[in-house]
Structure formats: structure tokens, C-alpha cells
Amino acid sequence: MFGLGTTELIIILVIIVVLFGSSQIPKLARSIGKARRELKEGLADESTDEKKKNA
């Protein structure tokens, strides 16, 4: 995954825990998931709008 090994991923995870705190990580993950879902929906709506426009 992105050329990162296990050691690098563990280091990144530790840095995230230190920066955000263990209680904030679920909130952060939830907001990232929500943003991702909204982006997918927006892209799908845009492609649907283009198809209607071209028809």
C-alpha cells in the first residue's frame, strides 16, 4: 500500500494517536468516511447530470 511497510504504518498510527488522542480517532474516522461517501455521491450526481445534458 503506497510502498509503505508495516513499520512505517505503525509509526504513522502512533503519530495519529499522539496528535488526536485515542478518544478523537473514532470521530475522525467517522468524518473521513462521511466525506468520502459525500464525494462519491457528488461525483455520481455529476456524471448523471452530464448524461442527461448530452441526451
N, C-alpha and C. Protein backbone atom coordinates (compact mmCIF):
# COMPACT_ATOMS: atom_id res chain seq x y z
N MET A 1 0.84 -1.18 0.00
CA MET A 1 0.00 0.00 0.00
C MET A 1 0.89 1.24 0.00
N PHE A 2 0.93 1.96 -1.10
CA PHE A 2 1.71 3.19 -1.27
C PHE A 2 3.20 2.97 -0.99
N GLY A 3 3.67 1.75 -1.08
CA GLY A 3 5.07 1.48 -0.84
C GLY A 3 5.47 1.57 0.62
N LEU A 4 4.50 1.53 1.53
CA LEU A 4 4.79 1.61 2.95
C LEU A 4 4.81 0.22 3.55
N GLY A 5 5.79 -0.02 4.39
CA GLY A 5 5.88 -1.29 5.09
C GLY A 5 5.13 -1.24 6.41
N THR A 6 5.16 -2.35 7.10
CA THR A 6 4.46 -2.46 8.38
C THR A 6 5.01 -1.47 9.40
N THR A 7 6.31 -1.32 9.46
CA THR A 7 6.93 -0.41 10.42
C THR A 7 6.48 1.03 10.19
N GLU A 8 6.45 1.45 8.94
CA GLU A 8 6.03 2.82 8.63
C GLU A 8 4.58 3.04 9.00
N LEU A 9 3.72 2.06 8.73
CA LEU A 9 2.30 2.20 9.07
C LEU A 9 2.10 2.29 10.58
N ILE A 10 2.86 1.53 11.34
CA ILE A 10 2.77 1.58 12.80
C ILE A 10 3.21 2.95 13.31
N ILE A 11 4.28 3.48 12.75
CA ILE A 11 4.76 4.80 13.15
C ILE A 11 3.71 5.87 12.85
N ILE A 12 3.10 5.80 11.67
CA ILE A 12 2.06 6.76 11.31
C ILE A 12 0.88 6.64 12.26
N LEU A 13 0.48 5.43 12.61
CA LEU A 13 -0.63 5.21 13.53
C LEU A 13 -0.32 5.80 14.91
N VAL A 14 0.90 5.61 15.39
CA VAL A 14 1.29 6.17 16.69
C VAL A 14 1.25 7.70 16.65
N ILE A 15 1.72 8.28 15.58
CA ILE A 15 1.70 9.75 15.45
C ILE A 15 0.26 10.26 15.45
N ILE A 16 -0.63 9.57 14.76
CA ILE A 16 -2.04 9.97 14.73
C ILE A 16 -2.64 9.91 16.13
N VAL A 17 -2.34 8.84 16.87
CA VAL A 17 -2.87 8.70 18.23
C VAL A 17 -2.33 9.82 19.12
N VAL A 18 -1.08 10.16 18.97
CA VAL A 18 -0.49 11.23 19.79
C VAL A 18 -1.11 12.58 19.44
N LEU A 19 -1.30 12.84 18.15
CA LEU A 19 -1.83 14.14 17.72
C LEU A 19 -3.31 14.32 18.09
N PHE A 20 -4.11 13.30 17.87
CA PHE A 20 -5.55 13.45 18.04
C PHE A 20 -6.08 12.87 19.34
N GLY A 21 -5.34 12.01 19.98
CA GLY A 21 -5.83 11.37 21.19
C GLY A 21 -6.72 10.19 20.84
N SER A 22 -6.71 9.20 21.69
CA SER A 22 -7.43 7.97 21.38
C SER A 22 -8.94 8.17 21.37
N SER A 23 -9.44 9.15 22.10
CA SER A 23 -10.89 9.37 22.13
C SER A 23 -11.40 10.06 20.86
N GLN A 24 -10.53 10.78 20.16
CA GLN A 24 -10.95 11.51 18.96
C GLN A 24 -10.84 10.69 17.68
N ILE A 25 -10.14 9.58 17.71
CA ILE A 25 -9.92 8.78 16.50
C ILE A 25 -11.22 8.26 15.90
N PRO A 26 -12.17 7.72 16.70
CA PRO A 26 -13.44 7.29 16.08
C PRO A 26 -14.20 8.43 15.41
N LYS A 27 -14.18 9.62 16.00
CA LYS A 27 -14.84 10.77 15.40
C LYS A 27 -14.15 11.15 14.09
N LEU A 28 -12.83 11.11 14.10
CA LEU A 28 -12.07 11.44 12.90
C LEU A 28 -12.36 10.44 11.79
N ALA A 29 -12.37 9.16 12.11
CA ALA A 29 -12.65 8.13 11.12
C ALA A 29 -14.07 8.27 10.57
N ARG A 30 -15.01 8.59 11.44
CA ARG A 30 -16.40 8.76 11.01
C ARG A 30 -16.52 9.94 10.05
N SER A 31 -15.85 11.04 10.37
CA SER A 31 -15.94 12.22 9.49
C SER A 31 -15.24 11.97 8.16
N ILE A 32 -14.16 11.22 8.16
CA ILE A 32 -13.48 10.89 6.90
C ILE A 32 -14.38 10.00 6.05
N GLY A 33 -15.04 9.03 6.67
CA GLY A 33 -15.97 8.17 5.94
C GLY A 33 -17.14 8.94 5.36
N LYS A 34 -17.67 9.88 6.13
CA LYS A 34 -18.79 10.69 5.66
C LYS A 34 -18.36 11.56 4.47
N ALA A 35 -17.18 12.16 4.57
CA ALA A 35 -16.67 12.99 3.48
C ALA A 35 -16.45 12.16 2.21
N ARG A 36 -15.94 10.97 2.38
CA ARG A 36 -15.71 10.08 1.24
C ARG A 36 -17.03 9.70 0.57
N ARG A 37 -18.02 9.38 1.39
CA ARG A 37 -19.34 8.99 0.87
C ARG A 37 -19.97 10.17 0.12
N GLU A 38 -19.88 11.37 0.68
CA GLU A 38 -20.45 12.55 0.02
C GLU A 38 -19.73 12.85 -1.30
N LEU A 39 -18.43 12.63 -1.33
CA LEU A 39 -17.68 12.85 -2.56
C LEU A 39 -18.13 11.87 -3.64
N LYS A 40 -18.30 10.60 -3.28
CA LYS A 40 -18.76 9.60 -4.24
C LYS A 40 -20.14 9.96 -4.78
N GLU A 41 -21.04 10.37 -3.88
CA GLU A 41 -22.39 10.75 -4.30
C GLU A 41 -22.36 11.97 -5.22
N GLY A 42 -21.52 12.93 -4.89
CA GLY A 42 -21.40 14.12 -5.73
C GLY A 42 -20.87 13.80 -7.11
N LEU A 43 -19.89 12.92 -7.18
CA LEU A 43 -19.35 12.53 -8.48
C LEU A 43 -20.38 11.75 -9.29
N ALA A 44 -21.15 10.90 -8.63
CA ALA A 44 -22.20 10.13 -9.32
C ALA A 44 -23.28 11.07 -9.83
N ASP A 45 -23.68 12.05 -9.04
CA ASP A 45 -24.69 13.02 -9.46
C ASP A 45 -24.19 13.84 -10.65
N GLU A 46 -22.93 14.20 -10.63
CA GLU A 46 -22.36 14.99 -11.71
C GLU A 46 -22.36 14.21 -13.02
N SER A 47 -22.00 12.93 -12.96
CA SER A 47 -21.98 12.13 -14.19
C SER A 47 -23.39 11.90 -14.70
N THR A 48 -24.36 11.76 -13.79
CA THR A 48 -25.75 11.60 -14.20
C THR A 48 -26.26 12.88 -14.87
N ASP A 49 -25.90 14.03 -14.30
CA ASP A 49 -26.29 15.30 -14.88
C ASP A 49 -25.70 15.49 -16.27
N GLU A 50 -24.44 15.07 -16.47
CA GLU A 50 -23.80 15.19 -17.77
C GLU A 50 -24.51 14.32 -18.81
N LYS A 51 -24.89 13.10 -18.38
CA LYS A 51 -25.57 12.20 -19.32
C LYS A 51 -26.91 12.79 -19.74
N LYS A 52 -27.64 13.38 -18.80
CA LYS A 52 -28.92 14.00 -19.13
C LYS A 52 -28.73 15.20 -20.06
N LYS A 53 -27.66 15.93 -19.80
CA LYS A 53 -27.37 17.13 -20.59
C LYS A 53 -27.02 16.77 -22.04
N ASN A 54 -26.29 15.66 -22.21
CA ASN A 54 -25.85 15.24 -23.53
C ASN A 54 -26.93 14.50 -24.30
N ALA A 55 -27.98 14.04 -23.63
CA ALA A 55 -29.01 13.24 -24.31
C ALA A 55 -29.99 14.08 -25.07
